Amino acid sequence: KAPTSGGGDSGPTTYTVKSGDTLSGIAVKFNVTVAQLQSWNNISNADTIKIGQVLKVSK
């Protein structure tokens, strides 16, 4: 699933985790830091993301 666009929508952009994704890879894709992703999504361990999990990738 493609990320939702921020154009006119209220709320953050989201991304659905796919097989092979890593938090650091997702961070690079959206030009944010792993720390920001962890903060926005209440993730304490960067290795615990799951396929199908929906992450906020912008504020």
PDB file of N, CA and C in Angstrom:
ATOM      1  N   LYS A   1       0.846  -1.187   0.000  1.00  0.00           N
ATOM      2  CA  LYS A   1       0.000   0.000   0.000  1.00  0.00           C
ATOM      3  C   LYS A   1       0.881   1.237   0.000  1.00  0.00           C
ATOM      4  N   ALA A   2       0.564   2.173  -0.848  1.00  0.00           N
ATOM      5  CA  ALA A   2       1.344   3.404  -0.939  1.00  0.00           C
ATOM      6  C   ALA A   2       1.080   4.280   0.280  1.00  0.00           C
ATOM      7  N   PRO A   3       2.071   5.080   0.651  1.00  0.00           N
ATOM      8  CA  PRO A   3       1.831   5.986   1.784  1.00  0.00           C
ATOM      9  C   PRO A   3       0.736   6.985   1.440  1.00  0.00           C
ATOM     10  N   THR A   4       0.015   7.422   2.447  1.00  0.00           N
ATOM     11  CA  THR A   4      -1.018   8.422   2.215  1.00  0.00           C
ATOM     12  C   THR A   4      -0.347   9.774   2.034  1.00  0.00           C
ATOM     13  N   SER A   5      -0.887  10.583   1.183  1.00  0.00           N
ATOM     14  CA  SER A   5      -0.292  11.889   0.955  1.00  0.00           C
ATOM     15  C   SER A   5      -0.781  12.866   2.016  1.00  0.00           C
ATOM     16  N   GLY A   6       0.049  13.845   2.293  1.00  0.00           N
ATOM     17  CA  GLY A   6      -0.329  14.830   3.288  1.00  0.00           C
ATOM     18  C   GLY A   6      -1.116  15.977   2.688  1.00  0.00           C
ATOM     19  N   GLY A   7      -1.439  15.915   1.388  1.00  0.00           N
ATOM     20  CA  GLY A   7      -2.081  17.035   0.711  1.00  0.00           C
ATOM     21  C   GLY A   7      -3.507  17.263   1.164  1.00  0.00           C
ATOM     22  N   GLY A   8      -3.727  18.217   2.034  1.00  0.00           N
ATOM     23  CA  GLY A   8      -5.067  18.551   2.462  1.00  0.00           C
ATOM     24  C   GLY A   8      -5.605  17.672   3.572  1.00  0.00           C
ATOM     25  N   ASP A   9      -5.065  16.493   3.743  1.00  0.00           N
ATOM     26  CA  ASP A   9      -5.534  15.619   4.822  1.00  0.00           C
ATOM     27  C   ASP A   9      -5.029  16.142   6.155  1.00  0.00           C
ATOM     28  N   SER A  10      -5.836  15.966   7.199  1.00  0.00           N
ATOM     29  CA  SER A  10      -5.325  16.324   8.513  1.00  0.00           C
ATOM     30  C   SER A  10      -4.676  15.075   9.091  1.00  0.00           C
ATOM     31  N   GLY A  11      -3.660  15.263   9.894  1.00  0.00           N
ATOM     32  CA  GLY A  11      -3.010  14.114  10.515  1.00  0.00           C
ATOM     33  C   GLY A  11      -1.735  13.718   9.795  1.00  0.00           C
ATOM     34  N   PRO A  12      -1.019  12.787  10.399  1.00  0.00           N
ATOM     35  CA  PRO A  12       0.302  12.402   9.899  1.00  0.00           C
ATOM     36  C   PRO A  12       0.210  11.474   8.686  1.00  0.00           C
ATOM     37  N   THR A  13       1.291  11.422   7.932  1.00  0.00           N
ATOM     38  CA  THR A  13       1.437  10.438   6.866  1.00  0.00           C
ATOM     39  C   THR A  13       1.737   9.086   7.522  1.00  0.00           C
ATOM     40  N   THR A  14       1.179   8.022   6.970  1.00  0.00           N
ATOM     41  CA  THR A  14       1.435   6.699   7.523  1.00  0.00           C
ATOM     42  C   THR A  14       2.044   5.782   6.474  1.00  0.00           C
ATOM     43  N   TYR A  15       2.669   4.719   6.946  1.00  0.00           N
ATOM     44  CA  TYR A  15       3.294   3.734   6.075  1.00  0.00           C
ATOM     45  C   TYR A  15       3.032   2.355   6.667  1.00  0.00           C
ATOM     46  N   THR A  16       2.623   1.414   5.818  1.00  0.00           N
ATOM     47  CA  THR A  16       2.385   0.050   6.284  1.00  0.00           C
ATOM     48  C   THR A  16       3.639  -0.775   6.054  1.00  0.00           C
ATOM     49  N   VAL A  17       4.132  -1.403   7.120  1.00  0.00           N
ATOM     50  CA  VAL A  17       5.368  -2.178   7.078  1.00  0.00           C
ATOM     51  C   VAL A  17       5.190  -3.404   6.182  1.00  0.00           C
ATOM     52  N   LYS A  18       6.155  -3.613   5.283  1.00  0.00           N
ATOM     53  CA  LYS A  18       6.159  -4.772   4.399  1.00  0.00           C
ATOM     54  C   LYS A  18       7.306  -5.705   4.780  1.00  0.00           C
ATOM     55  N   SER A  19       7.248  -6.914   4.251  1.00  0.00           N
ATOM     56  CA  SER A  19       8.313  -7.886   4.478  1.00  0.00           C
ATOM     57  C   SER A  19       9.651  -7.298   4.037  1.00  0.00           C
ATOM     58  N   GLY A  20      10.652  -7.419   4.875  1.00  0.00           N
ATOM     59  CA  GLY A  20      11.981  -6.915   4.542  1.00  0.00           C
ATOM     60  C   GLY A  20      12.233  -5.490   4.994  1.00  0.00           C
ATOM     61  N   ASP A  21      11.195  -4.781   5.411  1.00  0.00           N
ATOM     62  CA  ASP A  21      11.378  -3.405   5.885  1.00  0.00           C
ATOM     63  C   ASP A  21      12.104  -3.378   7.226  1.00  0.00           C
ATOM     64  N   THR A  22      12.891  -2.348   7.412  1.00  0.00           N
ATOM     65  CA  THR A  22      13.501  -2.083   8.715  1.00  0.00           C
ATOM     66  C   THR A  22      13.165  -0.642   9.084  1.00  0.00           C
ATOM     67  N   LEU A  23      13.224  -0.347  10.362  1.00  0.00           N
ATOM     68  CA  LEU A  23      12.948   1.013  10.813  1.00  0.00           C
ATOM     69  C   LEU A  23      13.930   1.993  10.171  1.00  0.00           C
ATOM     70  N   SER A  24      15.197   1.595  10.069  1.00  0.00           N
ATOM     71  CA  SER A  24      16.183   2.497   9.475  1.00  0.00           C
ATOM     72  C   SER A  24      15.916   2.695   7.982  1.00  0.00           C
ATOM     73  N   GLY A  25      15.485   1.645   7.299  1.00  0.00           N
ATOM     74  CA  GLY A  25      15.154   1.766   5.884  1.00  0.00           C
ATOM     75  C   GLY A  25      13.963   2.682   5.660  1.00  0.00           C
ATOM     76  N   ILE A  26      12.963   2.541   6.515  1.00  0.00           N
ATOM     77  CA  ILE A  26      11.770   3.388   6.425  1.00  0.00           C
ATOM     78  C   ILE A  26      12.150   4.844   6.721  1.00  0.00           C
ATOM     79  N   ALA A  27      13.012   5.045   7.695  1.00  0.00           N
ATOM     80  CA  ALA A  27      13.460   6.396   8.044  1.00  0.00           C
ATOM     81  C   ALA A  27      14.128   7.069   6.844  1.00  0.00           C
ATOM     82  N   VAL A  28      14.991   6.329   6.149  1.00  0.00           N
ATOM     83  CA  VAL A  28      15.676   6.868   4.968  1.00  0.00           C
ATOM     84  C   VAL A  28      14.660   7.219   3.876  1.00  0.00           C
ATOM     85  N   LYS A  29      13.687   6.327   3.666  1.00  0.00           N
ATOM     86  CA  LYS A  29      12.673   6.508   2.622  1.00  0.00           C
ATOM     87  C   LYS A  29      11.887   7.804   2.828  1.00  0.00           C
ATOM     88  N   PHE A  30      11.622   8.148   4.087  1.00  0.00           N
ATOM     89  CA  PHE A  30      10.808   9.328   4.379  1.00  0.00           C
ATOM     90  C   PHE A  30      11.623  10.509   4.896  1.00  0.00           C
ATOM     91  N   ASN A  31      12.961  10.366   4.851  1.00  0.00           N
ATOM     92  CA  ASN A  31      13.863  11.448   5.253  1.00  0.00           C
ATOM     93  C   ASN A  31      13.610  11.914   6.685  1.00  0.00           C
ATOM     94  N   VAL A  32      13.454  10.938   7.578  1.00  0.00           N
ATOM     95  CA  VAL A  32      13.322  11.226   9.008  1.00  0.00           C
ATOM     96  C   VAL A  32      14.338  10.356   9.741  1.00  0.00           C
ATOM     97  N   THR A  33      14.445  10.517  11.046  1.00  0.00           N
ATOM     98  CA  THR A  33      15.385   9.692  11.810  1.00  0.00           C
ATOM     99  C   THR A  33      14.656   8.509  12.445  1.00  0.00           C
ATOM    100  N   VAL A  34      15.430   7.475  12.753  1.00  0.00           N
ATOM    101  CA  VAL A  34      14.877   6.316  13.460  1.00  0.00           C
ATOM    102  C   VAL A  34      14.299   6.776  14.795  1.00  0.00           C
ATOM    103  N   ALA A  35      14.986   7.704  15.455  1.00  0.00           N
ATOM    104  CA  ALA A  35      14.504   8.215  16.749  1.00  0.00           C
ATOM    105  C   ALA A  35      13.138   8.883  16.610  1.00  0.00           C
ATOM    106  N   GLN A  36      12.938   9.632  15.513  1.00  0.00           N
ATOM    107  CA  GLN A  36      11.630  10.259  15.290  1.00  0.00           C
ATOM    108  C   GLN A  36      10.555   9.192  15.097  1.00  0.00           C
ATOM    109  N   LEU A  37      10.837   8.179  14.278  1.00  0.00           N
ATOM    110  CA  LEU A  37       9.871   7.106  14.058  1.00  0.00           C
ATOM    111  C   LEU A  37       9.520   6.415  15.369  1.00  0.00           C
ATOM    112  N   GLN A  38      10.532   6.148  16.176  1.00  0.00           N
ATOM    113  CA  GLN A  38      10.299   5.483  17.458  1.00  0.00           C
ATOM    114  C   GLN A  38       9.450   6.358  18.371  1.00  0.00           C
ATOM    115  N   SER A  39       9.717   7.652  18.379  1.00  0.00           N
ATOM    116  CA  SER A  39       8.972   8.579  19.222  1.00  0.00           C
ATOM    117  C   SER A  39       7.516   8.670  18.775  1.00  0.00           C
ATOM    118  N   TRP A  40       7.293   8.878  17.467  1.00  0.00           N
ATOM    119  CA  TRP A  40       5.933   9.055  16.943  1.00  0.00           C
ATOM    120  C   TRP A  40       5.082   7.798  17.086  1.00  0.00           C
ATOM    121  N   ASN A  41       5.757   6.617  17.142  1.00  0.00           N
ATOM    122  CA  ASN A  41       5.013   5.348  17.140  1.00  0.00           C
ATOM    123  C   ASN A  41       5.161   4.573  18.450  1.00  0.00           C
ATOM    124  N   ASN A  42       5.735   5.214  19.465  1.00  0.00           N
ATOM    125  CA  ASN A  42       5.930   4.575  20.764  1.00  0.00           C
ATOM    126  C   ASN A  42       6.634   3.223  20.642  1.00  0.00           C
ATOM    127  N   ILE A  43       7.720   3.205  19.865  1.00  0.00           N
ATOM    128  CA  ILE A  43       8.500   1.984  19.673  1.00  0.00           C
ATOM    129  C   ILE A  43       9.748   2.087  20.541  1.00  0.00           C
ATOM    130  N   SER A  44       9.891   1.156  21.472  1.00  0.00           N
ATOM    131  CA  SER A  44      11.077   1.209  22.327  1.00  0.00           C
ATOM    132  C   SER A  44      12.228   0.413  21.731  1.00  0.00           C
ATOM    133  N   ASN A  45      11.918  -0.641  20.970  1.00  0.00           N
ATOM    134  CA  ASN A  45      12.946  -1.474  20.362  1.00  0.00           C
ATOM    135  C   ASN A  45      12.765  -1.443  18.851  1.00  0.00           C
ATOM    136  N   ALA A  46      13.752  -0.902  18.140  1.00  0.00           N
ATOM    137  CA  ALA A  46      13.652  -0.732  16.688  1.00  0.00           C
ATOM    138  C   ALA A  46      13.504  -2.059  15.948  1.00  0.00           C
ATOM    139  N   ASP A  47      13.826  -3.173  16.604  1.00  0.00           N
ATOM    140  CA  ASP A  47      13.741  -4.484  15.950  1.00  0.00           C
ATOM    141  C   ASP A  47      12.365  -5.134  16.090  1.00  0.00           C
ATOM    142  N   THR A  48      11.408  -4.431  16.689  1.00  0.00           N
ATOM    143  CA  THR A  48      10.126  -5.082  16.980  1.00  0.00           C
ATOM    144  C   THR A  48       8.992  -4.707  16.024  1.00  0.00           C
ATOM    145  N   ILE A  49       9.317  -4.066  14.892  1.00  0.00           N
ATOM    146  CA  ILE A  49       8.231  -3.754  13.962  1.00  0.00           C
ATOM    147  C   ILE A  49       7.769  -5.029  13.264  1.00  0.00           C
ATOM    148  N   LYS A  50       6.494  -5.056  12.909  1.00  0.00           N
ATOM    149  CA  LYS A  50       5.898  -6.254  12.311  1.00  0.00           C
ATOM    150  C   LYS A  50       5.301  -5.932  10.947  1.00  0.00           C
ATOM    151  N   ILE A  51       5.292  -6.927  10.069  1.00  0.00           N
ATOM    152  CA  ILE A  51       4.656  -6.773   8.762  1.00  0.00           C
ATOM    153  C   ILE A  51       3.186  -6.411   8.968  1.00  0.00           C
ATOM    154  N   GLY A  52       2.727  -5.423   8.236  1.00  0.00           N
ATOM    155  CA  GLY A  52       1.335  -4.994   8.356  1.00  0.00           C
ATOM    156  C   GLY A  52       1.116  -3.892   9.384  1.00  0.00           C
ATOM    157  N   GLN A  53       2.130  -3.640  10.199  1.00  0.00           N
ATOM    158  CA  GLN A  53       2.030  -2.578  11.195  1.00  0.00           C
ATOM    159  C   GLN A  53       1.989  -1.226  10.484  1.00  0.00           C
ATOM    160  N   VAL A  54       1.106  -0.340  10.924  1.00  0.00           N
ATOM    161  CA  VAL A  54       0.998   0.989  10.315  1.00  0.00           C
ATOM    162  C   VAL A  54       1.774   1.973  11.180  1.00  0.00           C
ATOM    163  N   LEU A  55       2.764   2.603  10.576  1.00  0.00           N
ATOM    164  CA  LEU A  55       3.612   3.558  11.299  1.00  0.00           C
ATOM    165  C   LEU A  55       3.324   4.970  10.849  1.00  0.00           C
ATOM    166  N   LYS A  56       3.383   5.913  11.777  1.00  0.00           N
ATOM    167  CA  LYS A  56       3.368   7.328  11.422  1.00  0.00           C
ATOM    168  C   LYS A  56       4.771   7.662  10.928  1.00  0.00           C
ATOM    169  N   VAL A  57       4.867   8.287   9.754  1.00  0.00           N
ATOM    170  CA  VAL A  57       6.177   8.628   9.214  1.00  0.00           C
ATOM    171  C   VAL A  57       6.368  10.135   9.075  1.00  0.00           C
ATOM    172  N   SER A  58       5.398  10.900   9.570  1.00  0.00           N
ATOM    173  CA  SER A  58       5.550  12.355   9.675  1.00  0.00           C
ATOM    174  C   SER A  58       4.653  12.835  10.793  1.00  0.00           C
ATOM    175  N   LYS A  59       4.942  14.028  11.286  1.00  0.00           N
ATOM    176  CA  LYS A  59       4.107  14.593  12.342  1.00  0.00           C
ATOM    177  C   LYS A  59       2.925  15.290  11.741  1.00  0.00           C
TER     178      LYS A  59
END
